Amino acid sequence: MATATAEASAPGITRREFLYYIWGASMALYTAELAGLIVWFALPRFRAGEFGGKFDLAIEDLPPINDPPVDFAAGRFWLVNLDTTVDSPDGNPLEQGQDLMYLAPDEDQPIKGAAAIYKVCTHLGCIYAWNGANKRFECPCHGSKYRLDGRRIESPAPRSLDRFHMEALDADGNVLASSTVGPDGAVTPLEIPAGTVTISVDTGAREQGPTKPLLCDFAGNCP
């Protein structure tokens, strides 16, 4: 009899408390769904072949060594093929003005390999172009100029052009070589190994160009 009396006197959940619990659970569920949607829309989702994703190019798309760059508008990059070990007809190393690509006085290591160069000027974000007559990239907005590999020739650009990471793939899609970041923080040109069929450019992986002396300083003709 005492047990029945104790159970009868135990307080149960009130209608107001029940509504509070339902309201709290609903708010928690709504918050979780909202957070999930924010994360879903915030995360970038790029498909291959569109800017922000990867561009797979045939090895035949790579320009000949030290030739003018190839423009890939969809990927917003220029593809170049560099080699400063190629000598001039007299057997001496190429110097500034002799070819599209050359070593500057402060460069003691060969520059060799392919590079994908971002098509945006490092000054104020204008779209620059290749000037075949002057053998260099030139920005129409404020006059910044760059060598074939993207190094600054003339200011006001604060640094050399940015580059994207690249991979060399064989016929089965295996990675034969990948670009690396050098001591200056820039993506180094990728030497293309034998057996490469495809060059993959990751436009979602960009590294800033380094700050080095202007090339016009060495020639003594900066404006």
N, C-alpha and C. Protein backbone atom coordinates (compact mmCIF):
# COMPACT_ATOMS: atom_id res chain seq x y z
N MET A 1 0.83 -1.21 0.00
CA MET A 1 0.00 0.00 0.00
C MET A 1 0.86 1.25 0.00
N ALA A 2 1.99 1.19 0.73
CA ALA A 2 2.90 2.34 0.81
C ALA A 2 3.57 2.58 -0.55
N THR A 3 3.90 1.47 -1.23
CA THR A 3 4.54 1.61 -2.55
C THR A 3 3.60 2.26 -3.55
N ALA A 4 2.36 1.86 -3.56
CA ALA A 4 1.37 2.45 -4.47
C ALA A 4 1.18 3.92 -4.20
N THR A 5 1.21 4.30 -2.89
CA THR A 5 1.04 5.72 -2.54
C THR A 5 2.21 6.54 -3.02
N ALA A 6 3.47 5.98 -2.92
CA ALA A 6 4.66 6.71 -3.36
C ALA A 6 4.64 6.93 -4.87
N GLU A 7 4.22 5.87 -5.63
CA GLU A 7 4.15 6.01 -7.08
C GLU A 7 3.10 7.03 -7.50
N ALA A 8 2.03 7.06 -6.76
CA ALA A 8 0.96 8.00 -7.09
C ALA A 8 1.38 9.43 -6.84
N SER A 9 2.25 9.64 -5.83
CA SER A 9 2.64 11.01 -5.49
C SER A 9 3.84 11.51 -6.29
N ALA A 10 4.53 10.60 -7.07
CA ALA A 10 5.69 11.03 -7.85
C ALA A 10 5.22 11.97 -8.97
N PRO A 11 5.90 13.12 -9.10
CA PRO A 11 5.47 14.11 -10.10
C PRO A 11 5.79 13.64 -11.52
N GLY A 12 4.91 13.80 -12.49
CA GLY A 12 5.15 13.48 -13.89
C GLY A 12 5.49 14.73 -14.67
N ILE A 13 5.77 14.57 -16.00
CA ILE A 13 6.12 15.70 -16.84
C ILE A 13 4.85 16.50 -17.17
N THR A 14 5.00 17.80 -17.05
CA THR A 14 3.85 18.65 -17.33
C THR A 14 3.75 18.91 -18.83
N ARG A 15 2.61 19.43 -19.22
CA ARG A 15 2.41 19.74 -20.63
C ARG A 15 3.38 20.83 -21.08
N ARG A 16 3.64 21.83 -20.23
CA ARG A 16 4.56 22.91 -20.58
C ARG A 16 5.98 22.39 -20.76
N GLU A 17 6.40 21.49 -19.82
CA GLU A 17 7.74 20.92 -19.93
C GLU A 17 7.88 20.10 -21.21
N PHE A 18 6.83 19.37 -21.54
CA PHE A 18 6.86 18.56 -22.76
C PHE A 18 7.04 19.44 -24.00
N LEU A 19 6.33 20.57 -24.04
CA LEU A 19 6.46 21.49 -25.17
C LEU A 19 7.86 22.09 -25.24
N TYR A 20 8.44 22.39 -24.06
CA TYR A 20 9.80 22.92 -24.02
C TYR A 20 10.78 21.91 -24.62
N TYR A 21 10.62 20.64 -24.26
CA TYR A 21 11.51 19.61 -24.79
C TYR A 21 11.38 19.50 -26.31
N ILE A 22 10.15 19.50 -26.78
CA ILE A 22 9.93 19.42 -28.23
C ILE A 22 10.53 20.62 -28.94
N TRP A 23 10.35 21.81 -28.37
CA TRP A 23 10.90 23.04 -28.97
C TRP A 23 12.42 22.99 -29.01
N GLY A 24 13.04 22.55 -27.90
CA GLY A 24 14.50 22.46 -27.85
C GLY A 24 15.05 21.46 -28.86
N ALA A 25 14.41 20.31 -28.99
CA ALA A 25 14.87 19.32 -29.95
C ALA A 25 14.73 19.83 -31.38
N SER A 26 13.63 20.55 -31.65
CA SER A 26 13.42 21.10 -32.99
C SER A 26 14.48 22.13 -33.33
N MET A 27 14.82 23.01 -32.36
CA MET A 27 15.84 24.02 -32.60
C MET A 27 17.20 23.37 -32.84
N ALA A 28 17.52 22.32 -32.06
CA ALA A 28 18.80 21.63 -32.25
C ALA A 28 18.88 21.00 -33.63
N LEU A 29 17.78 20.39 -34.08
CA LEU A 29 17.75 19.78 -35.40
C LEU A 29 17.88 20.82 -36.50
N TYR A 30 17.17 21.94 -36.33
CA TYR A 30 17.25 23.02 -37.32
C TYR A 30 18.66 23.59 -37.41
N THR A 31 19.31 23.80 -36.25
CA THR A 31 20.67 24.34 -36.23
C THR A 31 21.64 23.39 -36.92
N ALA A 32 21.49 22.09 -36.65
CA ALA A 32 22.37 21.11 -37.28
C ALA A 32 22.19 21.09 -38.80
N GLU A 33 20.94 21.16 -39.26
CA GLU A 33 20.69 21.17 -40.70
C GLU A 33 21.25 22.43 -41.34
N LEU A 34 21.09 23.58 -40.68
CA LEU A 34 21.59 24.84 -41.22
C LEU A 34 23.10 24.82 -41.31
N ALA A 35 23.76 24.31 -40.27
CA ALA A 35 25.23 24.22 -40.30
C ALA A 35 25.70 23.30 -41.42
N GLY A 36 24.97 22.21 -41.61
CA GLY A 36 25.33 21.29 -42.68
C GLY A 36 25.22 21.93 -44.05
N LEU A 37 24.16 22.72 -44.26
CA LEU A 37 23.98 23.40 -45.54
C LEU A 37 25.07 24.43 -45.77
N ILE A 38 25.45 25.16 -44.73
CA ILE A 38 26.50 26.17 -44.86
C ILE A 38 27.82 25.52 -45.26
N VAL A 39 28.15 24.42 -44.61
CA VAL A 39 29.38 23.70 -44.95
C VAL A 39 29.31 23.17 -46.37
N TRP A 40 28.15 22.65 -46.78
CA TRP A 40 27.99 22.10 -48.11
C TRP A 40 28.21 23.13 -49.19
N PHE A 41 27.64 24.33 -49.00
CA PHE A 41 27.80 25.38 -49.99
C PHE A 41 29.15 26.07 -49.91
N ALA A 42 29.80 26.05 -48.74
CA ALA A 42 31.08 26.72 -48.58
C ALA A 42 32.22 25.92 -49.20
N LEU A 43 32.12 24.60 -49.20
CA LEU A 43 33.18 23.78 -49.74
C LEU A 43 33.20 23.89 -51.26
N PRO A 44 34.40 24.19 -51.84
CA PRO A 44 34.47 24.29 -53.30
C PRO A 44 34.33 22.92 -53.94
N ARG A 45 33.59 22.87 -55.05
CA ARG A 45 33.41 21.62 -55.78
C ARG A 45 33.63 21.93 -57.26
N PHE A 46 34.82 21.62 -57.72
CA PHE A 46 35.17 21.93 -59.10
C PHE A 46 35.33 20.65 -59.90
N ARG A 47 34.82 20.66 -61.09
CA ARG A 47 34.97 19.53 -61.98
C ARG A 47 36.23 19.69 -62.82
N ALA A 48 36.75 18.58 -63.30
CA ALA A 48 37.90 18.63 -64.19
C ALA A 48 37.56 19.44 -65.43
N GLY A 49 38.48 20.28 -65.85
CA GLY A 49 38.25 21.07 -67.05
C GLY A 49 37.63 22.42 -66.81
N GLU A 50 37.40 22.79 -65.55
CA GLU A 50 36.93 24.14 -65.24
C GLU A 50 37.86 24.75 -64.21
N PHE A 51 37.95 26.08 -64.23
CA PHE A 51 38.92 26.75 -63.36
C PHE A 51 38.65 26.41 -61.90
N GLY A 52 39.72 26.09 -61.19
CA GLY A 52 39.62 25.61 -59.83
C GLY A 52 39.77 24.11 -59.74
N GLY A 53 39.68 23.44 -60.89
CA GLY A 53 39.88 22.00 -60.96
C GLY A 53 41.13 21.66 -61.74
N LYS A 54 41.22 20.43 -62.20
CA LYS A 54 42.39 19.97 -62.94
C LYS A 54 42.14 19.98 -64.44
N PHE A 55 43.18 20.33 -65.18
CA PHE A 55 43.14 20.31 -66.64
C PHE A 55 44.16 19.28 -67.12
N ASP A 56 43.69 18.27 -67.80
CA ASP A 56 44.56 17.23 -68.35
C ASP A 56 44.84 17.55 -69.81
N LEU A 57 46.11 17.82 -70.11
CA LEU A 57 46.53 18.22 -71.44
C LEU A 57 47.39 17.14 -72.06
N ALA A 58 47.23 16.94 -73.36
CA ALA A 58 48.09 15.99 -74.07
C ALA A 58 49.50 16.54 -74.14
N ILE A 59 50.47 15.65 -74.14
CA ILE A 59 51.86 16.09 -74.20
C ILE A 59 52.12 16.93 -75.44
N GLU A 60 51.31 16.70 -76.49
CA GLU A 60 51.46 17.49 -77.71
C GLU A 60 51.05 18.95 -77.52
N ASP A 61 50.32 19.25 -76.44
CA ASP A 61 49.92 20.63 -76.17
C ASP A 61 51.07 21.47 -75.63
N LEU A 62 52.14 20.80 -75.19
CA LEU A 62 53.28 21.52 -74.64
C LEU A 62 54.04 22.20 -75.78
N PRO A 63 54.29 23.51 -75.69
CA PRO A 63 55.01 24.18 -76.77
C PRO A 63 56.46 23.72 -76.85
N PRO A 64 57.10 23.90 -77.99
CA PRO A 64 58.52 23.57 -78.09
C PRO A 64 59.35 24.39 -77.09
N ILE A 65 60.54 23.91 -76.82
CA ILE A 65 61.41 24.55 -75.83
C ILE A 65 61.66 26.01 -76.19
N ASN A 66 61.42 26.89 -75.21
CA ASN A 66 61.66 28.33 -75.31
C ASN A 66 60.87 29.01 -76.43
N ASP A 67 59.81 28.36 -76.88
CA ASP A 67 58.91 28.99 -77.84
C ASP A 67 57.92 29.88 -77.10
N PRO A 68 57.17 30.71 -77.81
CA PRO A 68 56.14 31.51 -77.15
C PRO A 68 55.17 30.63 -76.38
N PRO A 69 54.54 31.18 -75.34
CA PRO A 69 53.63 30.39 -74.49
C PRO A 69 52.34 30.04 -75.21
N VAL A 70 51.69 28.99 -74.70
CA VAL A 70 50.39 28.58 -75.23
C VAL A 70 49.32 29.02 -74.23
N ASP A 71 48.29 29.67 -74.73
CA ASP A 71 47.22 30.23 -73.89
C ASP A 71 46.11 29.19 -73.69
N PHE A 72 45.82 28.87 -72.41
CA PHE A 72 44.68 28.02 -72.07
C PHE A 72 43.68 28.88 -71.31
N ALA A 73 42.77 29.49 -72.07
CA ALA A 73 41.85 30.48 -71.51
C ALA A 73 40.94 29.88 -70.45
N ALA A 74 40.44 28.66 -70.66
CA ALA A 74 39.52 28.05 -69.70
C ALA A 74 40.18 27.84 -68.34
N GLY A 75 41.47 27.55 -68.36
CA GLY A 75 42.19 27.33 -67.11
C GLY A 75 42.86 28.56 -66.56
N ARG A 76 42.82 29.67 -67.32
CA ARG A 76 43.42 30.94 -66.91
C ARG A 76 44.93 30.79 -66.68
N PHE A 77 45.58 30.07 -67.58
CA PHE A 77 47.02 29.94 -67.44
C PHE A 77 47.69 29.89 -68.81
N TRP A 78 48.98 30.22 -68.79
CA TRP A 78 49.86 30.07 -69.94
C TRP A 78 50.73 28.84 -69.69
N LEU A 79 50.90 28.02 -70.71
CA LEU A 79 51.79 26.87 -70.59
C LEU A 79 53.09 27.19 -71.32
N VAL A 80 54.22 27.03 -70.62
CA VAL A 80 55.52 27.34 -71.19
C VAL A 80 56.43 26.12 -71.03
N ASN A 81 57.44 26.07 -71.89
CA ASN A 81 58.43 24.99 -71.88
C ASN A 81 59.81 25.63 -71.87
N LEU A 82 60.51 25.55 -70.77
CA LEU A 82 61.72 26.33 -70.53
C LEU A 82 62.97 25.46 -70.54
N ASP A 83 64.07 26.04 -71.00
CA ASP A 83 65.36 25.35 -70.90
C ASP A 83 66.49 26.34 -71.17
N THR A 84 67.13 26.78 -70.10
CA THR A 84 68.24 27.73 -70.25
C THR A 84 69.56 27.02 -70.55
N THR A 85 69.54 25.69 -70.65
CA THR A 85 70.77 24.98 -71.01
C THR A 85 70.95 24.92 -72.51
N VAL A 86 69.94 25.33 -73.25
CA VAL A 86 70.06 25.37 -74.71
C VAL A 86 70.97 26.53 -75.08
N ASP A 87 72.03 26.24 -75.81
CA ASP A 87 73.01 27.27 -76.13
C ASP A 87 72.70 27.96 -77.45
N SER A 88 73.30 29.11 -77.62
CA SER A 88 73.19 29.85 -78.87
C SER A 88 74.08 29.19 -79.92
N PRO A 89 73.96 29.58 -81.19
CA PRO A 89 74.76 28.95 -82.24
C PRO A 89 76.27 28.99 -82.01
N ASP A 90 76.75 30.00 -81.27
CA ASP A 90 78.20 30.07 -81.04
C ASP A 90 78.66 29.22 -79.86
N GLY A 91 77.69 28.48 -79.23
CA GLY A 91 78.06 27.58 -78.15
C GLY A 91 78.08 28.21 -76.78
N ASN A 92 77.81 29.51 -76.69
CA ASN A 92 77.81 30.20 -75.40
C ASN A 92 76.39 30.24 -74.83
N PRO A 93 76.26 30.31 -73.50
CA PRO A 93 74.92 30.39 -72.90
C PRO A 93 74.16 31.60 -73.42
N LEU A 94 72.86 31.43 -73.57
CA LEU A 94 72.03 32.54 -74.03
C LEU A 94 72.00 33.66 -73.01
N GLU A 95 72.02 34.89 -73.47
CA GLU A 95 71.98 36.04 -72.59
C GLU A 95 70.70 36.83 -72.85
N GLN A 96 70.43 37.79 -71.97
CA GLN A 96 69.22 38.58 -72.08
C GLN A 96 69.13 39.24 -73.46
N GLY A 97 67.98 39.08 -74.10
CA GLY A 97 67.75 39.67 -75.40
C GLY A 97 68.04 38.75 -76.56
N GLN A 98 68.77 37.63 -76.30
CA GLN A 98 69.07 36.70 -77.38
C GLN A 98 67.93 35.74 -77.67
N ASP A 99 67.15 35.43 -76.65
CA ASP A 99 66.07 34.47 -76.83
C ASP A 99 64.96 34.79 -75.85
N LEU A 100 63.86 34.05 -75.96
CA LEU A 100 62.73 34.29 -75.06
C LEU A 100 63.07 33.92 -73.62
N MET A 101 64.00 32.98 -73.43
CA MET A 101 64.36 32.52 -72.10
C MET A 101 65.86 32.57 -71.93
N TYR A 102 66.32 33.05 -70.79
CA TYR A 102 67.75 33.24 -70.54
C TYR A 102 67.97 33.27 -69.04
N LEU A 103 69.21 33.10 -68.62
CA LEU A 103 69.56 33.21 -67.21
C LEU A 103 69.97 34.64 -66.88
N ALA A 104 69.47 35.14 -65.77
CA ALA A 104 69.87 36.46 -65.28
C ALA A 104 71.18 36.33 -64.50
N PRO A 105 71.87 37.43 -64.28
CA PRO A 105 73.15 37.37 -63.55
C PRO A 105 73.04 36.78 -62.15
N ASP A 106 71.88 36.85 -61.50
CA ASP A 106 71.76 36.30 -60.16
C ASP A 106 71.23 34.87 -60.17
N GLU A 107 71.12 34.24 -61.34
CA GLU A 107 70.63 32.86 -61.46
C GLU A 107 71.79 31.95 -61.85
N ASP A 108 72.18 31.07 -60.94
CA ASP A 108 73.33 30.19 -61.20
C ASP A 108 72.94 28.75 -61.46
N GLN A 109 71.63 28.45 -61.45
CA GLN A 109 71.15 27.11 -61.73
C GLN A 109 70.27 27.14 -62.99
N PRO A 110 70.36 26.10 -63.82
CA PRO A 110 69.53 26.07 -65.03
C PRO A 110 68.04 26.13 -64.69
N ILE A 111 67.28 26.73 -65.56
CA ILE A 111 65.82 26.74 -65.46
C ILE A 111 65.31 25.84 -66.57
N LYS A 112 64.70 24.73 -66.19
CA LYS A 112 64.35 23.72 -67.17
C LYS A 112 63.07 23.03 -66.78
N GLY A 113 62.14 22.92 -67.74
CA GLY A 113 60.89 22.21 -67.49
C GLY A 113 59.67 23.01 -67.91
N ALA A 114 58.51 22.41 -67.72
CA ALA A 114 57.24 23.04 -68.07
C ALA A 114 56.68 23.78 -66.87
N ALA A 115 55.94 24.85 -67.14
CA ALA A 115 55.31 25.62 -66.07
C ALA A 115 53.96 26.12 -66.55
N ALA A 116 52.99 26.16 -65.64
CA ALA A 116 51.67 26.72 -65.91
C ALA A 116 51.56 28.01 -65.13
N ILE A 117 51.51 29.12 -65.83
CA ILE A 117 51.60 30.46 -65.23
C ILE A 117 50.22 31.10 -65.20
N TYR A 118 49.81 31.55 -64.01
CA TYR A 118 48.52 32.20 -63.82
C TYR A 118 48.44 33.48 -64.64
N LYS A 119 47.30 33.71 -65.29
CA LYS A 119 47.16 34.81 -66.24
C LYS A 119 46.76 36.14 -65.61
N VAL A 120 47.03 36.30 -64.33
CA VAL A 120 46.65 37.54 -63.64
C VAL A 120 47.91 38.25 -63.16
N CYS A 121 48.02 39.52 -63.49
CA CYS A 121 49.16 40.33 -63.06
C CYS A 121 49.20 40.43 -61.54
N THR A 122 50.39 40.37 -60.96
CA THR A 122 50.52 40.41 -59.51
C THR A 122 50.41 41.82 -58.94
N HIS A 123 50.24 42.81 -59.80
CA HIS A 123 50.11 44.18 -59.30
C HIS A 123 48.69 44.43 -58.78
N LEU A 124 47.74 44.59 -59.69
CA LEU A 124 46.36 44.86 -59.29
C LEU A 124 45.36 43.91 -59.94
N GLY A 125 45.85 42.77 -60.43
CA GLY A 125 44.93 41.75 -60.92
C GLY A 125 44.45 41.90 -62.34
N CYS A 126 45.12 42.70 -63.15
CA CYS A 126 44.73 42.82 -64.55
C CYS A 126 45.15 41.57 -65.32
N ILE A 127 44.53 41.37 -66.47
CA ILE A 127 44.89 40.27 -67.35
C ILE A 127 45.96 40.75 -68.32
N TYR A 128 47.13 40.19 -68.22
CA TYR A 128 48.23 40.58 -69.10
C TYR A 128 48.22 39.71 -70.36
N ALA A 129 49.10 40.03 -71.30
CA ALA A 129 49.16 39.29 -72.56
C ALA A 129 50.61 39.07 -72.96
N TRP A 130 50.81 38.16 -73.90
CA TRP A 130 52.15 37.92 -74.44
C TRP A 130 52.39 38.87 -75.61
N ASN A 131 53.51 39.59 -75.58
CA ASN A 131 53.90 40.48 -76.66
C ASN A 131 55.01 39.81 -77.44
N GLY A 132 54.66 39.25 -78.61
CA GLY A 132 55.64 38.52 -79.39
C GLY A 132 56.76 39.39 -79.92
N ALA A 133 56.46 40.65 -80.22
CA ALA A 133 57.48 41.54 -80.75
C ALA A 133 58.56 41.83 -79.71
N ASN A 134 58.12 41.99 -78.45
CA ASN A 134 59.06 42.30 -77.38
C ASN A 134 59.52 41.06 -76.61
N LYS A 135 58.98 39.89 -76.96
CA LYS A 135 59.38 38.62 -76.35
C LYS A 135 59.19 38.62 -74.83
N ARG A 136 57.99 39.03 -74.38
CA ARG A 136 57.73 39.07 -72.94
C ARG A 136 56.23 39.23 -72.70
N PHE A 137 55.83 38.94 -71.45
CA PHE A 137 54.47 39.23 -71.01
C PHE A 137 54.39 40.70 -70.63
N GLU A 138 53.29 41.36 -71.02
CA GLU A 138 53.12 42.77 -70.68
C GLU A 138 51.70 43.02 -70.19
N CYS A 139 51.59 43.77 -69.11
CA CYS A 139 50.29 44.11 -68.55
C CYS A 139 49.85 45.46 -69.10
N PRO A 140 48.67 45.54 -69.71
CA PRO A 140 48.22 46.80 -70.32
C PRO A 140 47.77 47.84 -69.30
N CYS A 141 47.55 47.43 -68.05
CA CYS A 141 46.99 48.36 -67.07
C CYS A 141 48.03 49.34 -66.53
N HIS A 142 49.18 48.81 -66.08
CA HIS A 142 50.16 49.69 -65.45
C HIS A 142 51.58 49.42 -65.90
N GLY A 143 51.73 48.59 -66.94
CA GLY A 143 53.04 48.45 -67.57
C GLY A 143 53.97 47.41 -66.98
N SER A 144 53.50 46.55 -66.08
CA SER A 144 54.38 45.51 -65.55
C SER A 144 54.76 44.55 -66.69
N LYS A 145 56.00 44.07 -66.63
CA LYS A 145 56.49 43.18 -67.68
C LYS A 145 57.17 41.98 -67.04
N TYR A 146 57.08 40.83 -67.74
CA TYR A 146 57.60 39.57 -67.20
C TYR A 146 58.29 38.77 -68.29
N ARG A 147 59.29 38.01 -67.88
CA ARG A 147 60.00 37.09 -68.77
C ARG A 147 59.11 35.89 -69.10
N LEU A 148 59.54 35.05 -70.02
CA LEU A 148 58.76 33.89 -70.45
C LEU A 148 58.37 33.00 -69.27
N ASP A 149 59.23 32.88 -68.28
CA ASP A 149 58.92 32.04 -67.12
C ASP A 149 58.13 32.77 -66.04
N GLY A 150 57.81 34.05 -66.28
CA GLY A 150 57.01 34.81 -65.34
C GLY A 150 57.79 35.68 -64.39
N ARG A 151 59.13 35.68 -64.47
CA ARG A 151 59.90 36.55 -63.58
C ARG A 151 59.73 38.00 -63.99
N ARG A 152 59.70 38.89 -62.98
CA ARG A 152 59.50 40.32 -63.24
C ARG A 152 60.65 40.91 -64.06
N ILE A 153 60.27 41.69 -65.06
CA ILE A 153 61.25 42.49 -65.79
C ILE A 153 61.17 43.94 -65.33
N GLU A 154 59.93 44.46 -65.29
CA GLU A 154 59.71 45.84 -64.85
C GLU A 154 58.55 45.88 -63.85
N SER A 155 58.63 46.82 -62.91
CA SER A 155 57.56 47.06 -61.94
C SER A 155 56.42 47.84 -62.64
N PRO A 156 55.28 48.07 -61.99
CA PRO A 156 55.06 48.04 -60.53
C PRO A 156 54.68 46.70 -59.93
N ALA A 157 54.73 45.61 -60.67
CA ALA A 157 54.40 44.30 -60.11
C ALA A 157 55.28 44.04 -58.88
N PRO A 158 54.70 43.64 -57.76
CA PRO A 158 55.48 43.43 -56.54
C PRO A 158 56.24 42.12 -56.51
N ARG A 159 55.87 41.18 -57.41
CA ARG A 159 56.53 39.87 -57.43
C ARG A 159 56.34 39.24 -58.81
N SER A 160 57.02 38.15 -59.02
CA SER A 160 56.87 37.42 -60.28
C SER A 160 55.49 36.77 -60.35
N LEU A 161 55.14 36.25 -61.52
CA LEU A 161 53.81 35.68 -61.73
C LEU A 161 53.63 34.38 -60.95
N ASP A 162 52.40 34.12 -60.54
CA ASP A 162 52.07 32.91 -59.80
C ASP A 162 52.03 31.70 -60.75
N ARG A 163 52.24 30.51 -60.16
CA ARG A 163 52.21 29.27 -60.95
C ARG A 163 51.31 28.24 -60.30
N PHE A 164 50.83 27.30 -61.12
CA PHE A 164 50.01 26.19 -60.64
C PHE A 164 50.86 24.92 -60.54
N HIS A 165 50.46 24.04 -59.65
CA HIS A 165 51.13 22.74 -59.54
C HIS A 165 50.76 21.87 -60.74
N MET A 166 51.71 20.98 -61.11
CA MET A 166 51.53 20.15 -62.29
C MET A 166 51.97 18.71 -61.99
N GLU A 167 51.47 17.78 -62.80
CA GLU A 167 51.89 16.39 -62.74
C GLU A 167 52.09 15.86 -64.16
N ALA A 168 53.05 14.97 -64.32
CA ALA A 168 53.26 14.26 -65.58
C ALA A 168 52.72 12.84 -65.41
N LEU A 169 51.83 12.41 -66.30
CA LEU A 169 51.16 11.11 -66.18
C LEU A 169 51.49 10.24 -67.39
N ASP A 170 51.54 8.91 -67.14
CA ASP A 170 51.74 8.00 -68.26
C ASP A 170 50.40 7.60 -68.87
N ALA A 171 50.43 6.64 -69.79
CA ALA A 171 49.21 6.24 -70.51
C ALA A 171 48.15 5.64 -69.60
N ASP A 172 48.58 5.09 -68.46
CA ASP A 172 47.64 4.49 -67.51
C ASP A 172 47.21 5.45 -66.41
N GLY A 173 47.64 6.69 -66.50
CA GLY A 173 47.28 7.68 -65.49
C GLY A 173 48.16 7.67 -64.27
N ASN A 174 49.27 6.92 -64.31
CA ASN A 174 50.19 6.91 -63.18
C ASN A 174 51.04 8.18 -63.17
N VAL A 175 51.31 8.70 -61.98
CA VAL A 175 52.10 9.92 -61.85
C VAL A 175 53.58 9.59 -62.00
N LEU A 176 54.21 10.18 -63.01
CA LEU A 176 55.63 9.98 -63.24
C LEU A 176 56.48 11.04 -62.55
N ALA A 177 55.94 12.24 -62.44
CA ALA A 177 56.67 13.34 -61.79
C ALA A 177 55.66 14.40 -61.36
N SER A 178 55.98 15.09 -60.28
CA SER A 178 55.13 16.16 -59.75
C SER A 178 55.97 17.41 -59.52
N SER A 179 55.36 18.56 -59.70
CA SER A 179 56.07 19.80 -59.42
C SER A 179 56.31 19.94 -57.93
N THR A 180 57.33 20.69 -57.60
CA THR A 180 57.68 20.94 -56.20
C THR A 180 57.78 22.44 -55.96
N VAL A 181 57.89 22.81 -54.71
CA VAL A 181 58.06 24.21 -54.34
C VAL A 181 59.52 24.43 -53.97
N GLY A 182 60.15 25.40 -54.60
CA GLY A 182 61.55 25.67 -54.37
C GLY A 182 61.80 26.47 -53.11
N PRO A 183 63.06 26.75 -52.81
CA PRO A 183 63.41 27.52 -51.60
C PRO A 183 62.79 28.92 -51.56
N ASP A 184 62.50 29.47 -52.75
CA ASP A 184 61.90 30.81 -52.80
C ASP A 184 60.38 30.77 -52.66
N GLY A 185 59.81 29.57 -52.47
CA GLY A 185 58.37 29.45 -52.29
C GLY A 185 57.59 29.33 -53.58
N ALA A 186 58.26 29.32 -54.72
CA ALA A 186 57.58 29.24 -56.02
C ALA A 186 57.56 27.80 -56.51
N VAL A 187 56.57 27.50 -57.36
CA VAL A 187 56.52 26.19 -58.00
C VAL A 187 57.64 26.11 -59.03
N THR A 188 58.48 25.09 -58.92
CA THR A 188 59.58 24.94 -59.87
C THR A 188 59.07 24.33 -61.17
N PRO A 189 59.71 24.65 -62.31
CA PRO A 189 59.31 24.02 -63.57
C PRO A 189 59.41 22.50 -63.46
N LEU A 190 58.48 21.82 -64.10
CA LEU A 190 58.42 20.37 -64.05
C LEU A 190 59.13 19.77 -65.26
N GLU A 191 60.23 19.07 -64.99
CA GLU A 191 60.91 18.37 -66.07
C GLU A 191 60.07 17.16 -66.49
N ILE A 192 59.75 17.08 -67.76
CA ILE A 192 58.84 16.05 -68.27
C ILE A 192 59.63 14.77 -68.54
N PRO A 193 59.35 13.69 -67.81
CA PRO A 193 60.10 12.45 -68.02
C PRO A 193 59.62 11.70 -69.26
N ALA A 194 60.46 10.77 -69.74
CA ALA A 194 60.08 9.93 -70.86
C ALA A 194 58.86 9.10 -70.48
N GLY A 195 57.98 8.87 -71.44
CA GLY A 195 56.77 8.11 -71.19
C GLY A 195 55.59 8.96 -70.78
N THR A 196 55.78 10.27 -70.68
CA THR A 196 54.67 11.15 -70.33
C THR A 196 53.68 11.26 -71.49
N VAL A 197 52.43 11.05 -71.18
CA VAL A 197 51.36 11.15 -72.18
C VAL A 197 50.46 12.35 -71.89
N THR A 198 50.27 12.63 -70.60
CA THR A 198 49.36 13.69 -70.17
C THR A 198 50.05 14.59 -69.15
N ILE A 199 49.78 15.88 -69.27
CA ILE A 199 50.23 16.85 -68.27
C ILE A 199 49.00 17.36 -67.55
N SER A 200 48.96 17.20 -66.24
CA SER A 200 47.81 17.64 -65.45
C SER A 200 48.16 18.92 -64.72
N VAL A 201 47.36 19.96 -64.94
CA VAL A 201 47.55 21.26 -64.28
C VAL A 201 46.43 21.45 -63.26
N ASP A 202 46.80 21.63 -62.01
CA ASP A 202 45.81 21.80 -60.93
C ASP A 202 45.62 23.29 -60.66
N THR A 203 44.56 23.87 -61.23
CA THR A 203 44.32 25.30 -61.04
C THR A 203 43.75 25.64 -59.66
N GLY A 204 43.54 24.61 -58.85
CA GLY A 204 43.15 24.84 -57.47
C GLY A 204 44.34 24.89 -56.54
N ALA A 205 45.54 24.65 -57.08
CA ALA A 205 46.76 24.65 -56.27
C ALA A 205 47.73 25.66 -56.86
N ARG A 206 47.65 26.89 -56.38
CA ARG A 206 48.46 27.99 -56.90
C ARG A 206 49.43 28.47 -55.83
N GLU A 207 50.66 28.76 -56.27
CA GLU A 207 51.68 29.31 -55.38
C GLU A 207 52.09 30.68 -55.89
N GLN A 208 52.29 31.60 -54.98
CA GLN A 208 52.69 32.95 -55.38
C GLN A 208 54.11 32.96 -55.96
N GLY A 209 54.30 33.87 -56.90
CA GLY A 209 55.63 34.06 -57.47
C GLY A 209 56.55 34.75 -56.47
N PRO A 210 57.84 34.48 -56.56
CA PRO A 210 58.79 35.07 -55.60
C PRO A 210 59.10 36.52 -55.92
N THR A 211 59.64 37.20 -54.95
CA THR A 211 60.12 38.57 -55.14
C THR A 211 61.62 38.52 -55.38
N LYS A 212 62.04 38.92 -56.55
CA LYS A 212 63.45 38.95 -56.92
C LYS A 212 63.76 40.30 -57.55
N PRO A 213 65.05 40.64 -57.68
CA PRO A 213 65.39 41.90 -58.35
C PRO A 213 64.81 41.96 -59.75
N LEU A 214 64.42 43.14 -60.16
CA LEU A 214 63.89 43.33 -61.51
C LEU A 214 64.97 43.01 -62.54
N LEU A 215 64.58 42.33 -63.62
CA LEU A 215 65.56 42.01 -64.65
C LEU A 215 66.07 43.27 -65.36
N CYS A 216 65.24 44.29 -65.41
CA CYS A 216 65.69 45.52 -66.05
C CYS A 216 66.80 46.19 -65.25
N ASP A 217 66.89 45.90 -63.94
CA ASP A 217 67.99 46.45 -63.13
C ASP A 217 69.33 45.94 -63.61
N PHE A 218 69.38 44.66 -63.98
CA PHE A 218 70.64 44.07 -64.44
C PHE A 218 71.04 44.66 -65.78
N ALA A 219 70.06 44.97 -66.62
CA ALA A 219 70.35 45.54 -67.93
C ALA A 219 70.55 47.05 -67.86
N GLY A 220 70.23 47.64 -66.72
CA GLY A 220 70.40 49.08 -66.55
C GLY A 220 69.43 49.90 -67.37
N ASN A 221 68.25 49.35 -67.65
CA ASN A 221 67.30 50.09 -68.47
C ASN A 221 65.91 50.16 -67.85
N CYS A 222 65.84 50.15 -66.52
CA CYS A 222 64.54 50.30 -65.88
C CYS A 222 64.03 51.72 -66.10
N PRO A 223 62.73 51.88 -66.33
CA PRO A 223 62.20 53.24 -66.56
C PRO A 223 62.25 54.07 -65.29
